[in-house]
N, C-alpha and C. Protein backbone atom coordinates (compact mmCIF):
# COMPACT_ATOMS: atom_id res chain seq x y z
N MET A 1 0.82 -1.20 0.00
CA MET A 1 0.00 0.00 0.00
C MET A 1 0.86 1.26 0.00
N ASN A 2 1.95 1.24 0.82
CA ASN A 2 2.84 2.40 0.84
C ASN A 2 3.48 2.65 -0.52
N ARG A 3 3.79 1.57 -1.21
CA ARG A 3 4.40 1.71 -2.53
C ARG A 3 3.42 2.37 -3.51
N PHE A 4 2.15 1.99 -3.43
CA PHE A 4 1.13 2.58 -4.27
C PHE A 4 1.01 4.09 -4.00
N LEU A 5 0.97 4.48 -2.74
CA LEU A 5 0.87 5.90 -2.37
C LEU A 5 2.11 6.67 -2.84
N TYR A 6 3.28 6.04 -2.73
CA TYR A 6 4.51 6.69 -3.17
C TYR A 6 4.44 6.99 -4.67
N PHE A 7 4.06 5.99 -5.48
CA PHE A 7 3.99 6.19 -6.92
C PHE A 7 2.88 7.18 -7.30
N PHE A 8 1.77 7.14 -6.59
CA PHE A 8 0.68 8.08 -6.83
C PHE A 8 1.15 9.51 -6.55
N ALA A 9 1.81 9.71 -5.42
CA ALA A 9 2.30 11.04 -5.05
C ALA A 9 3.36 11.51 -6.05
N LEU A 10 4.27 10.64 -6.45
CA LEU A 10 5.31 10.99 -7.41
C LEU A 10 4.68 11.37 -8.76
N GLY A 11 3.72 10.61 -9.22
CA GLY A 11 3.04 10.91 -10.48
C GLY A 11 2.30 12.23 -10.41
N PHE A 12 1.64 12.50 -9.30
CA PHE A 12 0.92 13.76 -9.14
C PHE A 12 1.87 14.94 -9.16
N MET A 13 3.03 14.81 -8.48
CA MET A 13 4.01 15.90 -8.46
C MET A 13 4.56 16.16 -9.85
N LEU A 14 4.87 15.13 -10.59
CA LEU A 14 5.39 15.30 -11.95
C LEU A 14 4.35 15.92 -12.86
N LEU A 15 3.12 15.51 -12.72
CA LEU A 15 2.05 16.04 -13.54
C LEU A 15 1.82 17.52 -13.23
N SER A 16 1.77 17.88 -11.98
CA SER A 16 1.52 19.28 -11.63
C SER A 16 2.73 20.15 -11.94
N ALA A 17 3.94 19.62 -11.90
CA ALA A 17 5.12 20.41 -12.24
C ALA A 17 5.14 20.73 -13.73
N GLY A 18 4.54 19.89 -14.55
CA GLY A 18 4.53 20.11 -15.99
C GLY A 18 3.44 21.06 -16.45
N CYS A 19 2.51 21.41 -15.58
CA CYS A 19 1.43 22.32 -15.95
C CYS A 19 1.95 23.74 -16.00
N ASP A 20 1.57 24.44 -17.05
CA ASP A 20 1.96 25.84 -17.21
C ASP A 20 0.81 26.70 -16.73
N LYS A 21 1.02 27.47 -15.68
CA LYS A 21 -0.02 28.30 -15.12
C LYS A 21 0.03 29.71 -15.68
N ASP A 22 0.88 29.97 -16.64
CA ASP A 22 1.03 31.29 -17.25
C ASP A 22 0.03 31.44 -18.38
N ASP A 23 -0.96 32.32 -18.20
CA ASP A 23 -1.99 32.47 -19.21
C ASP A 23 -1.60 33.44 -20.32
N LEU A 24 -0.47 34.14 -20.19
CA LEU A 24 0.00 35.04 -21.25
C LEU A 24 1.29 34.45 -21.81
N LYS A 25 1.16 33.77 -22.91
CA LYS A 25 2.34 33.19 -23.57
C LYS A 25 3.11 34.30 -24.26
N PRO A 26 4.43 34.17 -24.37
CA PRO A 26 5.17 35.18 -25.14
C PRO A 26 4.58 35.25 -26.55
N GLU A 27 4.32 36.46 -27.00
CA GLU A 27 3.74 36.62 -28.32
C GLU A 27 4.27 37.89 -28.96
N THR A 28 4.21 37.93 -30.27
CA THR A 28 4.62 39.11 -31.02
C THR A 28 3.36 39.85 -31.44
N ILE A 29 3.33 41.16 -31.15
CA ILE A 29 2.15 41.97 -31.45
C ILE A 29 2.57 43.24 -32.18
N THR A 30 1.60 43.89 -32.81
CA THR A 30 1.81 45.20 -33.41
C THR A 30 1.34 46.25 -32.42
N LEU A 31 2.16 47.27 -32.21
CA LEU A 31 1.87 48.33 -31.25
C LEU A 31 2.12 49.67 -31.90
N TRP A 32 1.14 50.57 -31.85
CA TRP A 32 1.31 51.93 -32.35
C TRP A 32 1.66 52.82 -31.18
N VAL A 33 2.62 53.72 -31.38
CA VAL A 33 3.06 54.67 -30.36
C VAL A 33 2.78 56.06 -30.88
N GLY A 34 2.11 56.88 -30.05
CA GLY A 34 1.73 58.23 -30.43
C GLY A 34 2.91 59.17 -30.54
N ASP A 35 2.65 60.35 -31.11
CA ASP A 35 3.72 61.31 -31.40
C ASP A 35 4.12 62.18 -30.21
N HIS A 36 3.47 62.02 -29.08
CA HIS A 36 3.86 62.79 -27.88
C HIS A 36 3.59 61.94 -26.63
N GLN A 37 4.27 62.31 -25.56
CA GLN A 37 4.05 61.66 -24.27
C GLN A 37 3.10 62.52 -23.45
N VAL A 38 2.48 61.90 -22.45
CA VAL A 38 1.54 62.61 -21.60
C VAL A 38 1.95 62.44 -20.14
N ASP A 39 1.57 63.44 -19.32
CA ASP A 39 1.80 63.32 -17.88
C ASP A 39 0.86 62.25 -17.33
N CYS A 40 1.41 61.40 -16.48
CA CYS A 40 0.61 60.36 -15.84
C CYS A 40 1.22 60.07 -14.48
N THR A 41 0.52 59.29 -13.70
CA THR A 41 1.01 58.95 -12.37
C THR A 41 1.01 57.44 -12.22
N GLY A 42 2.20 56.88 -12.01
CA GLY A 42 2.35 55.47 -11.71
C GLY A 42 2.72 55.37 -10.25
N VAL A 43 3.95 55.03 -9.96
CA VAL A 43 4.46 55.06 -8.60
C VAL A 43 4.54 56.52 -8.15
N GLY A 44 4.84 57.38 -9.09
CA GLY A 44 4.89 58.82 -8.88
C GLY A 44 4.61 59.50 -10.19
N PRO A 45 4.71 60.82 -10.27
CA PRO A 45 4.50 61.51 -11.53
C PRO A 45 5.54 61.06 -12.57
N GLN A 46 5.10 60.87 -13.79
CA GLN A 46 6.01 60.44 -14.85
C GLN A 46 5.41 60.79 -16.19
N LYS A 47 6.11 60.49 -17.26
CA LYS A 47 5.63 60.64 -18.63
C LYS A 47 5.28 59.25 -19.16
N CYS A 48 4.15 59.14 -19.82
CA CYS A 48 3.73 57.87 -20.40
C CYS A 48 3.65 57.99 -21.91
N LEU A 49 3.95 56.90 -22.59
CA LEU A 49 3.71 56.83 -24.02
C LEU A 49 2.23 56.61 -24.25
N LEU A 50 1.72 57.10 -25.35
CA LEU A 50 0.37 56.78 -25.79
C LEU A 50 0.48 55.63 -26.77
N VAL A 51 -0.22 54.54 -26.52
CA VAL A 51 -0.12 53.36 -27.38
C VAL A 51 -1.50 52.81 -27.68
N LYS A 52 -1.56 52.07 -28.77
CA LYS A 52 -2.74 51.27 -29.06
C LYS A 52 -2.30 50.02 -29.80
N MET A 53 -3.01 48.94 -29.53
CA MET A 53 -2.71 47.68 -30.19
C MET A 53 -3.64 47.50 -31.38
N GLU A 54 -3.30 46.55 -32.20
CA GLU A 54 -4.10 46.28 -33.40
C GLU A 54 -5.55 46.04 -33.00
N GLY A 55 -6.44 46.74 -33.67
CA GLY A 55 -7.86 46.60 -33.38
C GLY A 55 -8.39 47.64 -32.40
N ASP A 56 -7.50 48.31 -31.66
CA ASP A 56 -7.93 49.36 -30.72
C ASP A 56 -8.21 50.65 -31.49
N THR A 57 -9.18 51.41 -31.02
CA THR A 57 -9.50 52.68 -31.66
C THR A 57 -9.04 53.87 -30.83
N SER A 58 -8.77 53.66 -29.55
CA SER A 58 -8.35 54.78 -28.71
C SER A 58 -6.97 54.52 -28.10
N TRP A 59 -6.27 55.59 -27.79
CA TRP A 59 -4.95 55.53 -27.20
C TRP A 59 -5.06 55.23 -25.70
N THR A 60 -4.12 54.47 -25.18
CA THR A 60 -4.05 54.20 -23.74
C THR A 60 -2.65 54.56 -23.25
N TYR A 61 -2.54 54.78 -21.95
CA TYR A 61 -1.24 55.11 -21.35
C TYR A 61 -0.40 53.85 -21.23
N HIS A 62 0.87 53.98 -21.58
CA HIS A 62 1.83 52.89 -21.43
C HIS A 62 2.85 53.34 -20.39
N TYR A 63 2.75 52.78 -19.19
CA TYR A 63 3.55 53.23 -18.05
C TYR A 63 4.98 52.72 -18.07
N THR A 64 5.20 51.56 -18.66
CA THR A 64 6.55 50.99 -18.70
C THR A 64 7.17 51.24 -20.06
N GLY A 65 8.46 51.16 -20.14
CA GLY A 65 9.14 51.37 -21.40
C GLY A 65 9.04 50.16 -22.32
N ILE A 66 9.56 50.33 -23.50
CA ILE A 66 9.68 49.24 -24.46
C ILE A 66 11.17 49.01 -24.62
N GLU A 67 11.63 47.85 -24.19
CA GLU A 67 13.07 47.57 -24.22
C GLU A 67 13.62 47.69 -25.63
N GLU A 68 14.79 48.31 -25.74
CA GLU A 68 15.53 48.49 -26.99
C GLU A 68 14.87 49.50 -27.94
N PHE A 69 13.88 50.25 -27.46
CA PHE A 69 13.21 51.27 -28.26
C PHE A 69 13.53 52.64 -27.68
N THR A 70 14.00 53.55 -28.54
CA THR A 70 14.27 54.92 -28.14
C THR A 70 13.21 55.81 -28.76
N TYR A 71 12.37 56.36 -27.92
CA TYR A 71 11.27 57.20 -28.37
C TYR A 71 11.79 58.58 -28.78
N GLU A 72 11.25 59.12 -29.87
CA GLU A 72 11.59 60.46 -30.32
C GLU A 72 10.28 61.23 -30.53
N ALA A 73 10.09 62.32 -29.77
CA ALA A 73 8.87 63.11 -29.84
C ALA A 73 8.66 63.63 -31.26
N GLY A 74 7.39 63.75 -31.65
CA GLY A 74 7.05 64.28 -32.97
C GLY A 74 6.89 63.21 -34.03
N TYR A 75 7.11 61.95 -33.67
CA TYR A 75 6.96 60.84 -34.61
C TYR A 75 5.95 59.85 -34.07
N GLU A 76 5.15 59.32 -34.97
CA GLU A 76 4.25 58.22 -34.63
C GLU A 76 4.89 56.95 -35.17
N TYR A 77 4.84 55.90 -34.39
CA TYR A 77 5.52 54.65 -34.73
C TYR A 77 4.52 53.50 -34.86
N ARG A 78 4.84 52.57 -35.75
CA ARG A 78 4.21 51.25 -35.76
C ARG A 78 5.33 50.26 -35.48
N LEU A 79 5.21 49.57 -34.36
CA LEU A 79 6.27 48.67 -33.90
C LEU A 79 5.78 47.23 -33.89
N THR A 80 6.71 46.33 -34.06
CA THR A 80 6.48 44.93 -33.75
C THR A 80 7.23 44.69 -32.45
N VAL A 81 6.51 44.23 -31.44
CA VAL A 81 7.12 44.00 -30.13
C VAL A 81 6.77 42.60 -29.64
N LYS A 82 7.65 42.09 -28.81
CA LYS A 82 7.39 40.81 -28.15
C LYS A 82 6.88 41.15 -26.76
N ARG A 83 5.79 40.54 -26.38
CA ARG A 83 5.18 40.74 -25.07
C ARG A 83 5.36 39.47 -24.26
N LYS A 84 5.98 39.62 -23.08
CA LYS A 84 6.29 38.46 -22.25
C LYS A 84 5.86 38.71 -20.80
N ARG A 85 5.43 37.67 -20.14
CA ARG A 85 5.05 37.73 -18.73
C ARG A 85 6.32 37.80 -17.88
N VAL A 86 6.32 38.65 -16.85
CA VAL A 86 7.43 38.76 -15.91
C VAL A 86 7.09 37.90 -14.70
N LYS A 87 7.93 36.94 -14.42
CA LYS A 87 7.72 36.12 -13.22
C LYS A 87 8.23 36.89 -12.02
N ASN A 88 7.45 36.94 -10.98
CA ASN A 88 7.79 37.64 -9.74
C ASN A 88 8.16 39.11 -9.98
N PRO A 89 7.24 39.90 -10.53
CA PRO A 89 7.55 41.32 -10.76
C PRO A 89 7.63 42.07 -9.44
N PRO A 90 8.33 43.20 -9.41
CA PRO A 90 8.35 44.00 -8.19
C PRO A 90 6.92 44.49 -7.87
N ALA A 91 6.66 44.78 -6.60
CA ALA A 91 5.32 45.17 -6.18
C ALA A 91 4.81 46.39 -6.95
N ASP A 92 5.71 47.30 -7.31
CA ASP A 92 5.29 48.51 -8.02
C ASP A 92 5.59 48.45 -9.51
N GLY A 93 5.86 47.26 -10.03
CA GLY A 93 6.23 47.14 -11.44
C GLY A 93 5.20 46.35 -12.23
N SER A 94 5.35 46.41 -13.53
CA SER A 94 4.45 45.69 -14.43
C SER A 94 4.79 44.21 -14.46
N ASN A 95 3.79 43.40 -14.71
CA ASN A 95 4.03 41.96 -14.85
C ASN A 95 4.17 41.56 -16.32
N ILE A 96 4.27 42.59 -17.20
CA ILE A 96 4.47 42.34 -18.63
C ILE A 96 5.65 43.16 -19.13
N ARG A 97 6.53 42.51 -19.90
CA ARG A 97 7.66 43.20 -20.56
C ARG A 97 7.35 43.34 -22.03
N TYR A 98 7.75 44.48 -22.58
CA TYR A 98 7.62 44.74 -24.01
C TYR A 98 9.02 44.91 -24.56
N ILE A 99 9.36 44.13 -25.59
CA ILE A 99 10.70 44.13 -26.17
C ILE A 99 10.58 44.42 -27.67
N LEU A 100 11.29 45.42 -28.14
CA LEU A 100 11.22 45.80 -29.55
C LEU A 100 11.77 44.68 -30.43
N VAL A 101 11.01 44.34 -31.46
CA VAL A 101 11.46 43.41 -32.49
C VAL A 101 11.88 44.22 -33.71
N SER A 102 11.01 45.17 -34.13
CA SER A 102 11.34 46.01 -35.28
C SER A 102 10.49 47.28 -35.27
N ILE A 103 11.05 48.33 -35.87
CA ILE A 103 10.30 49.55 -36.13
C ILE A 103 9.81 49.42 -37.57
N ASP A 104 8.51 49.24 -37.73
CA ASP A 104 7.94 49.00 -39.05
C ASP A 104 7.60 50.28 -39.78
N GLU A 105 7.32 51.33 -39.02
CA GLU A 105 6.97 52.62 -39.64
C GLU A 105 7.28 53.72 -38.64
N LYS A 106 7.81 54.83 -39.14
CA LYS A 106 8.11 56.02 -38.33
C LYS A 106 7.67 57.22 -39.14
N THR A 107 6.59 57.91 -38.69
CA THR A 107 5.98 58.98 -39.46
C THR A 107 6.09 60.29 -38.69
N LYS A 108 6.61 61.34 -39.35
CA LYS A 108 6.70 62.68 -38.74
C LYS A 108 5.30 63.25 -38.65
N LYS A 109 4.95 63.77 -37.47
CA LYS A 109 3.62 64.39 -37.26
C LYS A 109 3.74 65.87 -37.06
């Protein structure tokens, strides 16, 4: 009987260790960045990018940066970015990272 319980417990541990509880898989998305930044408040006062994703009609505040992307005021961008879940993010930080893949369009406004 002990042997049965041992194998049952071992099988359960292996099965649960293989389950992925991350509902946001790394994915590549298109992101539009507006031509100016806006004042916003995250942890404290800061400047936020205005962004919208494919299918969105209105701009939203983007509080975190986009890794490897250098924003230049006066230009609107269409970017391809990789979006990844951050495991154990800081209490005051985002649980999603945005990483630049390519700048697909840069338009002077």
